[in-house]
Amino acid sequence: MTVLAPQKVRGGPSMPKENTILKDVTWEIDQQLYVIHNVPVNVYEGDVNDRTYSSETTLKLLLLKDLMESAEIPSEIDYSKADALKL
């Protein structure tokens, strides 16, 4: 088994820089449009196509999706105001 010493880890390649942008997430089911505005998305420097959601964001999106599709909340909301819904 090989163990990396801390000095070897520090000298390795650096991770790409991560930036967060806001994006609208939309989908349509049975001619009903659903929109969640201002969803935070992580974008990595050097690859604008490499976009990810944090695990917290992913879980909140799934919850919002279920609530929207069951008509418990409006079909268009702002992600940044979702905490006011007391999810």
PDB file of N, CA and C in Angstrom:
ATOM      1  N   MET A   1       0.849  -1.175   0.000  1.00  0.00           N
ATOM      2  CA  MET A   1       0.000   0.000   0.000  1.00  0.00           C
ATOM      3  C   MET A   1       0.893   1.237   0.000  1.00  0.00           C
ATOM      4  N   THR A   2       0.529   2.209  -0.818  1.00  0.00           N
ATOM      5  CA  THR A   2       1.280   3.454  -0.905  1.00  0.00           C
ATOM      6  C   THR A   2       0.571   4.538  -0.118  1.00  0.00           C
ATOM      7  N   VAL A   3       1.321   5.239   0.699  1.00  0.00           N
ATOM      8  CA  VAL A   3       0.775   6.345   1.475  1.00  0.00           C
ATOM      9  C   VAL A   3       1.404   7.629   0.956  1.00  0.00           C
ATOM     10  N   LEU A   4       0.566   8.600   0.631  1.00  0.00           N
ATOM     11  CA  LEU A   4       1.080   9.877   0.144  1.00  0.00           C
ATOM     12  C   LEU A   4       1.426  10.776   1.321  1.00  0.00           C
ATOM     13  N   ALA A   5       2.622  11.282   1.307  1.00  0.00           N
ATOM     14  CA  ALA A   5       3.036  12.225   2.338  1.00  0.00           C
ATOM     15  C   ALA A   5       2.426  13.586   2.022  1.00  0.00           C
ATOM     16  N   PRO A   6       2.168  14.412   3.026  1.00  0.00           N
ATOM     17  CA  PRO A   6       1.545  15.715   2.777  1.00  0.00           C
ATOM     18  C   PRO A   6       2.267  16.556   1.732  1.00  0.00           C
ATOM     19  N   GLN A   7       3.606  16.499   1.689  1.00  0.00           N
ATOM     20  CA  GLN A   7       4.322  17.310   0.716  1.00  0.00           C
ATOM     21  C   GLN A   7       4.032  16.852  -0.714  1.00  0.00           C
ATOM     22  N   LYS A   8       3.762  15.572  -0.922  1.00  0.00           N
ATOM     23  CA  LYS A   8       3.423  15.093  -2.263  1.00  0.00           C
ATOM     24  C   LYS A   8       2.031  15.559  -2.659  1.00  0.00           C
ATOM     25  N   VAL A   9       1.124  15.613  -1.721  1.00  0.00           N
ATOM     26  CA  VAL A   9      -0.234  16.066  -2.016  1.00  0.00           C
ATOM     27  C   VAL A   9      -0.216  17.536  -2.393  1.00  0.00           C
ATOM     28  N   ARG A  10       0.525  18.341  -1.641  1.00  0.00           N
ATOM     29  CA  ARG A  10       0.589  19.770  -1.936  1.00  0.00           C
ATOM     30  C   ARG A  10       1.206  20.035  -3.289  1.00  0.00           C
ATOM     31  N   GLY A  11       2.090  19.218  -3.731  1.00  0.00           N
ATOM     32  CA  GLY A  11       2.781  19.454  -4.992  1.00  0.00           C
ATOM     33  C   GLY A  11       2.027  18.961  -6.210  1.00  0.00           C
ATOM     34  N   GLY A  12       0.878  18.316  -6.012  1.00  0.00           N
ATOM     35  CA  GLY A  12       0.092  17.761  -7.114  1.00  0.00           C
ATOM     36  C   GLY A  12      -0.634  18.840  -7.894  1.00  0.00           C
ATOM     37  N   PRO A  13      -1.318  18.417  -8.949  1.00  0.00           N
ATOM     38  CA  PRO A  13      -2.053  19.388  -9.765  1.00  0.00           C
ATOM     39  C   PRO A  13      -3.169  20.038  -8.955  1.00  0.00           C
ATOM     40  N   SER A  14      -3.398  21.296  -9.233  1.00  0.00           N
ATOM     41  CA  SER A  14      -4.439  22.012  -8.490  1.00  0.00           C
ATOM     42  C   SER A  14      -5.800  21.769  -9.139  1.00  0.00           C
ATOM     43  N   MET A  15      -6.836  21.874  -8.305  1.00  0.00           N
ATOM     44  CA  MET A  15      -8.204  21.707  -8.785  1.00  0.00           C
ATOM     45  C   MET A  15      -8.614  22.941  -9.584  1.00  0.00           C
ATOM     46  N   PRO A  16      -9.472  22.760 -10.592  1.00  0.00           N
ATOM     47  CA  PRO A  16      -9.954  23.931 -11.328  1.00  0.00           C
ATOM     48  C   PRO A  16     -10.759  24.843 -10.409  1.00  0.00           C
ATOM     49  N   LYS A  17     -10.708  26.131 -10.678  1.00  0.00           N
ATOM     50  CA  LYS A  17     -11.426  27.094  -9.870  1.00  0.00           C
ATOM     51  C   LYS A  17     -12.925  26.960 -10.136  1.00  0.00           C
ATOM     52  N   GLU A  18     -13.703  27.032  -9.072  1.00  0.00           N
ATOM     53  CA  GLU A  18     -15.144  26.866  -9.161  1.00  0.00           C
ATOM     54  C   GLU A  18     -15.834  28.211  -8.977  1.00  0.00           C
ATOM     55  N   ASN A  19     -16.789  28.512  -9.836  1.00  0.00           N
ATOM     56  CA  ASN A  19     -17.604  29.714  -9.723  1.00  0.00           C
ATOM     57  C   ASN A  19     -19.064  29.292  -9.648  1.00  0.00           C
ATOM     58  N   THR A  20     -19.885  30.125  -9.039  1.00  0.00           N
ATOM     59  CA  THR A  20     -21.311  29.835  -8.969  1.00  0.00           C
ATOM     60  C   THR A  20     -22.065  30.855  -9.806  1.00  0.00           C
ATOM     61  N   ILE A  21     -22.944  30.348 -10.660  1.00  0.00           N
ATOM     62  CA  ILE A  21     -23.816  31.207 -11.452  1.00  0.00           C
ATOM     63  C   ILE A  21     -25.264  30.856 -11.101  1.00  0.00           C
ATOM     64  N   LEU A  22     -26.191  31.699 -11.503  1.00  0.00           N
ATOM     65  CA  LEU A  22     -27.603  31.433 -11.293  1.00  0.00           C
ATOM     66  C   LEU A  22     -28.237  31.080 -12.629  1.00  0.00           C
ATOM     67  N   LYS A  23     -29.100  30.074 -12.616  1.00  0.00           N
ATOM     68  CA  LYS A  23     -29.698  29.565 -13.836  1.00  0.00           C
ATOM     69  C   LYS A  23     -31.164  29.242 -13.563  1.00  0.00           C
ATOM     70  N   ASP A  24     -32.008  29.380 -14.591  1.00  0.00           N
ATOM     71  CA  ASP A  24     -33.403  28.974 -14.464  1.00  0.00           C
ATOM     72  C   ASP A  24     -33.521  27.510 -14.869  1.00  0.00           C
ATOM     73  N   VAL A  25     -34.288  26.757 -14.100  1.00  0.00           N
ATOM     74  CA  VAL A  25     -34.560  25.352 -14.412  1.00  0.00           C
ATOM     75  C   VAL A  25     -36.019  25.272 -14.854  1.00  0.00           C
ATOM     76  N   THR A  26     -36.254  24.710 -16.037  1.00  0.00           N
ATOM     77  CA  THR A  26     -37.614  24.605 -16.552  1.00  0.00           C
ATOM     78  C   THR A  26     -37.888  23.196 -17.051  1.00  0.00           C
ATOM     79  N   TRP A  27     -39.155  22.797 -16.978  1.00  0.00           N
ATOM     80  CA  TRP A  27     -39.594  21.536 -17.565  1.00  0.00           C
ATOM     81  C   TRP A  27     -41.091  21.657 -17.838  1.00  0.00           C
ATOM     82  N   GLU A  28     -41.583  20.781 -18.682  1.00  0.00           N
ATOM     83  CA  GLU A  28     -42.992  20.801 -19.045  1.00  0.00           C
ATOM     84  C   GLU A  28     -43.566  19.397 -18.950  1.00  0.00           C
ATOM     85  N   ILE A  29     -44.754  19.309 -18.352  1.00  0.00           N
ATOM     86  CA  ILE A  29     -45.475  18.037 -18.250  1.00  0.00           C
ATOM     87  C   ILE A  29     -46.933  18.314 -18.609  1.00  0.00           C
ATOM     88  N   ASP A  30     -47.460  17.578 -19.556  1.00  0.00           N
ATOM     89  CA  ASP A  30     -48.860  17.729 -19.977  1.00  0.00           C
ATOM     90  C   ASP A  30     -49.221  19.183 -20.253  1.00  0.00           C
ATOM     91  N   GLN A  31     -48.398  19.860 -21.012  1.00  0.00           N
ATOM     92  CA  GLN A  31     -48.582  21.249 -21.426  1.00  0.00           C
ATOM     93  C   GLN A  31     -48.578  22.239 -20.259  1.00  0.00           C
ATOM     94  N   GLN A  32     -48.083  21.825 -19.116  1.00  0.00           N
ATOM     95  CA  GLN A  32     -47.909  22.717 -17.963  1.00  0.00           C
ATOM     96  C   GLN A  32     -46.424  23.016 -17.815  1.00  0.00           C
ATOM     97  N   LEU A  33     -46.072  24.289 -17.877  1.00  0.00           N
ATOM     98  CA  LEU A  33     -44.680  24.709 -17.743  1.00  0.00           C
ATOM     99  C   LEU A  33     -44.367  24.970 -16.279  1.00  0.00           C
ATOM    100  N   TYR A  34     -43.241  24.446 -15.810  1.00  0.00           N
ATOM    101  CA  TYR A  34     -42.747  24.653 -14.452  1.00  0.00           C
ATOM    102  C   TYR A  34     -41.413  25.382 -14.542  1.00  0.00           C
ATOM    103  N   VAL A  35     -41.217  26.388 -13.681  1.00  0.00           N
ATOM    104  CA  VAL A  35     -39.988  27.186 -13.716  1.00  0.00           C
ATOM    105  C   VAL A  35     -39.500  27.447 -12.290  1.00  0.00           C
ATOM    106  N   ILE A  36     -38.224  27.206 -12.078  1.00  0.00           N
ATOM    107  CA  ILE A  36     -37.560  27.598 -10.828  1.00  0.00           C
ATOM    108  C   ILE A  36     -36.446  28.556 -11.228  1.00  0.00           C
ATOM    109  N   HIS A  37     -36.576  29.806 -10.827  1.00  0.00           N
ATOM    110  CA  HIS A  37     -35.614  30.850 -11.189  1.00  0.00           C
ATOM    111  C   HIS A  37     -34.445  30.895 -10.204  1.00  0.00           C
ATOM    112  N   ASN A  38     -33.297  31.355 -10.686  1.00  0.00           N
ATOM    113  CA  ASN A  38     -32.115  31.661  -9.865  1.00  0.00           C
ATOM    114  C   ASN A  38     -31.584  30.477  -9.069  1.00  0.00           C
ATOM    115  N   VAL A  39     -31.452  29.340  -9.718  1.00  0.00           N
ATOM    116  CA  VAL A  39     -30.887  28.148  -9.083  1.00  0.00           C
ATOM    117  C   VAL A  39     -29.362  28.243  -9.144  1.00  0.00           C
ATOM    118  N   PRO A  40     -28.653  28.099  -8.010  1.00  0.00           N
ATOM    119  CA  PRO A  40     -27.189  28.170  -8.031  1.00  0.00           C
ATOM    120  C   PRO A  40     -26.576  26.929  -8.706  1.00  0.00           C
ATOM    121  N   VAL A  41     -25.682  27.193  -9.654  1.00  0.00           N
ATOM    122  CA  VAL A  41     -25.009  26.139 -10.410  1.00  0.00           C
ATOM    123  C   VAL A  41     -23.510  26.368 -10.303  1.00  0.00           C
ATOM    124  N   ASN A  42     -22.754  25.314 -10.020  1.00  0.00           N
ATOM    125  CA  ASN A  42     -21.291  25.412  -9.958  1.00  0.00           C
ATOM    126  C   ASN A  42     -20.719  25.211 -11.353  1.00  0.00           C
ATOM    127  N   VAL A  43     -19.843  26.129 -11.769  1.00  0.00           N
ATOM    128  CA  VAL A  43     -19.180  26.052 -13.062  1.00  0.00           C
ATOM    129  C   VAL A  43     -17.681  26.042 -12.801  1.00  0.00           C
ATOM    130  N   TYR A  44     -16.987  25.136 -13.454  1.00  0.00           N
ATOM    131  CA  TYR A  44     -15.549  25.005 -13.236  1.00  0.00           C
ATOM    132  C   TYR A  44     -14.769  25.698 -14.346  1.00  0.00           C
ATOM    133  N   GLU A  45     -13.786  26.488 -13.936  1.00  0.00           N
ATOM    134  CA  GLU A  45     -12.942  27.231 -14.870  1.00  0.00           C
ATOM    135  C   GLU A  45     -12.289  26.279 -15.857  1.00  0.00           C
ATOM    136  N   GLY A  46     -12.299  26.660 -17.108  1.00  0.00           N
ATOM    137  CA  GLY A  46     -11.660  25.840 -18.126  1.00  0.00           C
ATOM    138  C   GLY A  46     -12.644  24.944 -18.858  1.00  0.00           C
ATOM    139  N   ASP A  47     -13.842  24.767 -18.326  1.00  0.00           N
ATOM    140  CA  ASP A  47     -14.839  23.926 -18.986  1.00  0.00           C
ATOM    141  C   ASP A  47     -16.222  24.460 -18.657  1.00  0.00           C
ATOM    142  N   VAL A  48     -16.725  25.380 -19.485  1.00  0.00           N
ATOM    143  CA  VAL A  48     -18.017  26.007 -19.213  1.00  0.00           C
ATOM    144  C   VAL A  48     -19.162  25.004 -19.328  1.00  0.00           C
ATOM    145  N   ASN A  49     -18.932  23.852 -19.940  1.00  0.00           N
ATOM    146  CA  ASN A  49     -19.964  22.833 -20.041  1.00  0.00           C
ATOM    147  C   ASN A  49     -20.025  21.938 -18.812  1.00  0.00           C
ATOM    148  N   ASP A  50     -19.044  22.056 -17.920  1.00  0.00           N
ATOM    149  CA  ASP A  50     -19.008  21.254 -16.699  1.00  0.00           C
ATOM    150  C   ASP A  50     -19.753  22.011 -15.604  1.00  0.00           C
ATOM    151  N   ARG A  51     -21.061  21.745 -15.501  1.00  0.00           N
ATOM    152  CA  ARG A  51     -21.910  22.422 -14.519  1.00  0.00           C
ATOM    153  C   ARG A  51     -22.508  21.388 -13.588  1.00  0.00           C
ATOM    154  N   THR A  52     -22.483  21.692 -12.306  1.00  0.00           N
ATOM    155  CA  THR A  52     -23.022  20.760 -11.314  1.00  0.00           C
ATOM    156  C   THR A  52     -23.837  21.518 -10.278  1.00  0.00           C
ATOM    157  N   TYR A  53     -24.724  20.781  -9.617  1.00  0.00           N
ATOM    158  CA  TYR A  53     -25.475  21.314  -8.486  1.00  0.00           C
ATOM    159  C   TYR A  53     -24.896  20.711  -7.211  1.00  0.00           C
ATOM    160  N   SER A  54     -24.907  21.481  -6.146  1.00  0.00           N
ATOM    161  CA  SER A  54     -24.488  20.920  -4.852  1.00  0.00           C
ATOM    162  C   SER A  54     -25.542  19.907  -4.416  1.00  0.00           C
ATOM    163  N   SER A  55     -25.190  19.048  -3.477  1.00  0.00           N
ATOM    164  CA  SER A  55     -26.154  18.050  -2.996  1.00  0.00           C
ATOM    165  C   SER A  55     -27.349  18.736  -2.332  1.00  0.00           C
ATOM    166  N   GLU A  56     -27.122  19.807  -1.608  1.00  0.00           N
ATOM    167  CA  GLU A  56     -28.214  20.545  -0.970  1.00  0.00           C
ATOM    168  C   GLU A  56     -29.168  21.122  -2.019  1.00  0.00           C
ATOM    169  N   THR A  57     -28.601  21.695  -3.074  1.00  0.00           N
ATOM    170  CA  THR A  57     -29.412  22.257  -4.153  1.00  0.00           C
ATOM    171  C   THR A  57     -30.209  21.157  -4.853  1.00  0.00           C
ATOM    172  N   THR A  58     -29.577  20.023  -5.109  1.00  0.00           N
ATOM    173  CA  THR A  58     -30.252  18.907  -5.772  1.00  0.00           C
ATOM    174  C   THR A  58     -31.448  18.427  -4.954  1.00  0.00           C
ATOM    175  N   LEU A  59     -31.260  18.255  -3.655  1.00  0.00           N
ATOM    176  CA  LEU A  59     -32.357  17.811  -2.800  1.00  0.00           C
ATOM    177  C   LEU A  59     -33.502  18.821  -2.767  1.00  0.00           C
ATOM    178  N   LYS A  60     -33.150  20.100  -2.686  1.00  0.00           N
ATOM    179  CA  LYS A  60     -34.183  21.126  -2.653  1.00  0.00           C
ATOM    180  C   LYS A  60     -34.933  21.177  -3.986  1.00  0.00           C
ATOM    181  N   LEU A  61     -34.219  21.013  -5.105  1.00  0.00           N
ATOM    182  CA  LEU A  61     -34.878  20.995  -6.414  1.00  0.00           C
ATOM    183  C   LEU A  61     -35.868  19.838  -6.527  1.00  0.00           C
ATOM    184  N   LEU A  62     -35.475  18.670  -6.036  1.00  0.00           N
ATOM    185  CA  LEU A  62     -36.382  17.520  -6.083  1.00  0.00           C
ATOM    186  C   LEU A  62     -37.638  17.759  -5.250  1.00  0.00           C
ATOM    187  N   LEU A  63     -37.469  18.348  -4.091  1.00  0.00           N
ATOM    188  CA  LEU A  63     -38.608  18.651  -3.234  1.00  0.00           C
ATOM    189  C   LEU A  63     -39.521  19.683  -3.892  1.00  0.00           C
ATOM    190  N   LEU A  64     -38.923  20.747  -4.426  1.00  0.00           N
ATOM    191  CA  LEU A  64     -39.707  21.778  -5.106  1.00  0.00           C
ATOM    192  C   LEU A  64     -40.453  21.199  -6.306  1.00  0.00           C
ATOM    193  N   LYS A  65     -39.788  20.345  -7.055  1.00  0.00           N
ATOM    194  CA  LYS A  65     -40.406  19.707  -8.222  1.00  0.00           C
ATOM    195  C   LYS A  65     -41.654  18.931  -7.807  1.00  0.00           C
ATOM    196  N   ASP A  66     -41.551  18.118  -6.782  1.00  0.00           N
ATOM    197  CA  ASP A  66     -42.693  17.330  -6.304  1.00  0.00           C
ATOM    198  C   ASP A  66     -43.836  18.227  -5.836  1.00  0.00           C
ATOM    199  N   LEU A  67     -43.503  19.290  -5.093  1.00  0.00           N
ATOM    200  CA  LEU A  67     -44.532  20.202  -4.601  1.00  0.00           C
ATOM    201  C   LEU A  67     -45.201  20.968  -5.738  1.00  0.00           C
ATOM    202  N   MET A  68     -44.428  21.366  -6.726  1.00  0.00           N
ATOM    203  CA  MET A  68     -44.987  22.091  -7.862  1.00  0.00           C
ATOM    204  C   MET A  68     -45.908  21.190  -8.679  1.00  0.00           C
ATOM    205  N   GLU A  69     -45.466  19.975  -8.943  1.00  0.00           N
ATOM    206  CA  GLU A  69     -46.255  19.060  -9.769  1.00  0.00           C
ATOM    207  C   GLU A  69     -47.528  18.596  -9.061  1.00  0.00           C
ATOM    208  N   SER A  70     -47.551  18.623  -7.747  1.00  0.00           N
ATOM    209  CA  SER A  70     -48.756  18.259  -7.002  1.00  0.00           C
ATOM    210  C   SER A  70     -49.612  19.490  -6.686  1.00  0.00           C
ATOM    211  N   ALA A  71     -49.240  20.639  -7.238  1.00  0.00           N
ATOM    212  CA  ALA A  71     -49.981  21.904  -7.096  1.00  0.00           C
ATOM    213  C   ALA A  71     -50.040  22.405  -5.653  1.00  0.00           C
ATOM    214  N   GLU A  72     -49.069  22.024  -4.829  1.00  0.00           N
ATOM    215  CA  GLU A  72     -49.018  22.515  -3.450  1.00  0.00           C
ATOM    216  C   GLU A  72     -48.331  23.876  -3.363  1.00  0.00           C
ATOM    217  N   ILE A  73     -47.520  24.197  -4.366  1.00  0.00           N
ATOM    218  CA  ILE A  73     -46.894  25.514  -4.483  1.00  0.00           C
ATOM    219  C   ILE A  73     -47.049  25.956  -5.941  1.00  0.00           C
ATOM    220  N   PRO A  74     -46.859  27.249  -6.235  1.00  0.00           N
ATOM    221  CA  PRO A  74     -47.017  27.729  -7.612  1.00  0.00           C
ATOM    222  C   PRO A  74     -46.080  27.019  -8.593  1.00  0.00           C
ATOM    223  N   SER A  75     -46.455  27.034  -9.862  1.00  0.00           N
ATOM    224  CA  SER A  75     -45.660  26.374 -10.898  1.00  0.00           C
ATOM    225  C   SER A  75     -44.458  27.212 -11.331  1.00  0.00           C
ATOM    226  N   GLU A  76     -44.326  28.424 -10.816  1.00  0.00           N
ATOM    227  CA  GLU A  76     -43.166  29.278 -11.081  1.00  0.00           C
ATOM    228  C   GLU A  76     -42.753  29.946  -9.783  1.00  0.00           C
ATOM    229  N   ILE A  77     -41.520  29.691  -9.372  1.00  0.00           N
ATOM    230  CA  ILE A  77     -41.025  30.253  -8.112  1.00  0.00           C
ATOM    231  C   ILE A  77     -39.571  30.685  -8.264  1.00  0.00           C
ATOM    232  N   ASP A  78     -39.101  31.427  -7.275  1.00  0.00           N
ATOM    233  CA  ASP A  78     -37.700  31.833  -7.218  1.00  0.00           C
ATOM    234  C   ASP A  78     -36.997  30.956  -6.183  1.00  0.00           C
ATOM    235  N   TYR A  79     -35.935  30.282  -6.597  1.00  0.00           N
ATOM    236  CA  TYR A  79     -35.201  29.372  -5.709  1.00  0.00           C
ATOM    237  C   TYR A  79     -34.732  30.082  -4.440  1.00  0.00           C
ATOM    238  N   SER A  80     -34.289  31.319  -4.578  1.00  0.00           N
ATOM    239  CA  SER A  80     -33.750  32.039  -3.412  1.00  0.00           C
ATOM    240  C   SER A  80     -34.827  32.332  -2.368  1.00  0.00           C
ATOM    241  N   LYS A  81     -36.100  32.263  -2.751  1.00  0.00           N
ATOM    242  CA  LYS A  81     -37.186  32.511  -1.810  1.00  0.00           C
ATOM    243  C   LYS A  81     -37.834  31.213  -1.335  1.00  0.00           C
ATOM    244  N   ALA A  82     -37.311  30.068  -1.759  1.00  0.00           N
ATOM    245  CA  ALA A  82     -37.894  28.776  -1.390  1.00  0.00           C
ATOM    246  C   ALA A  82     -37.803  28.505   0.109  1.00  0.00           C
ATOM    247  N   ASP A  83     -36.815  29.078   0.794  1.00  0.00           N
ATOM    248  CA  ASP A  83     -36.692  28.866   2.240  1.00  0.00           C
ATOM    249  C   ASP A  83     -37.902  29.440   2.985  1.00  0.00           C
ATOM    250  N   ALA A  84     -38.533  30.464   2.400  1.00  0.00           N
ATOM    251  CA  ALA A  84     -39.722  31.050   3.024  1.00  0.00           C
ATOM    252  C   ALA A  84     -40.892  30.079   2.999  1.00  0.00           C
ATOM    253  N   LEU A  85     -40.811  29.047   2.154  1.00  0.00           N
ATOM    254  CA  LEU A  85     -41.872  28.046   2.080  1.00  0.00           C
ATOM    255  C   LEU A  85     -41.802  27.053   3.232  1.00  0.00           C
ATOM    256  N   LYS A  86     -40.743  27.157   4.038  1.00  0.00           N
ATOM    257  CA  LYS A  86     -40.516  26.264   5.193  1.00  0.00           C
ATOM    258  C   LYS A  86     -40.487  24.805   4.763  1.00  0.00           C
ATOM    259  N   LEU A  87     -39.580  24.525   3.823  1.00  0.00           N
ATOM    260  CA  LEU A  87     -39.441  23.166   3.288  1.00  0.00           C
ATOM    261  C   LEU A  87     -38.816  22.248   4.307  1.00  0.00           C
TER     262      LEU A  87
END
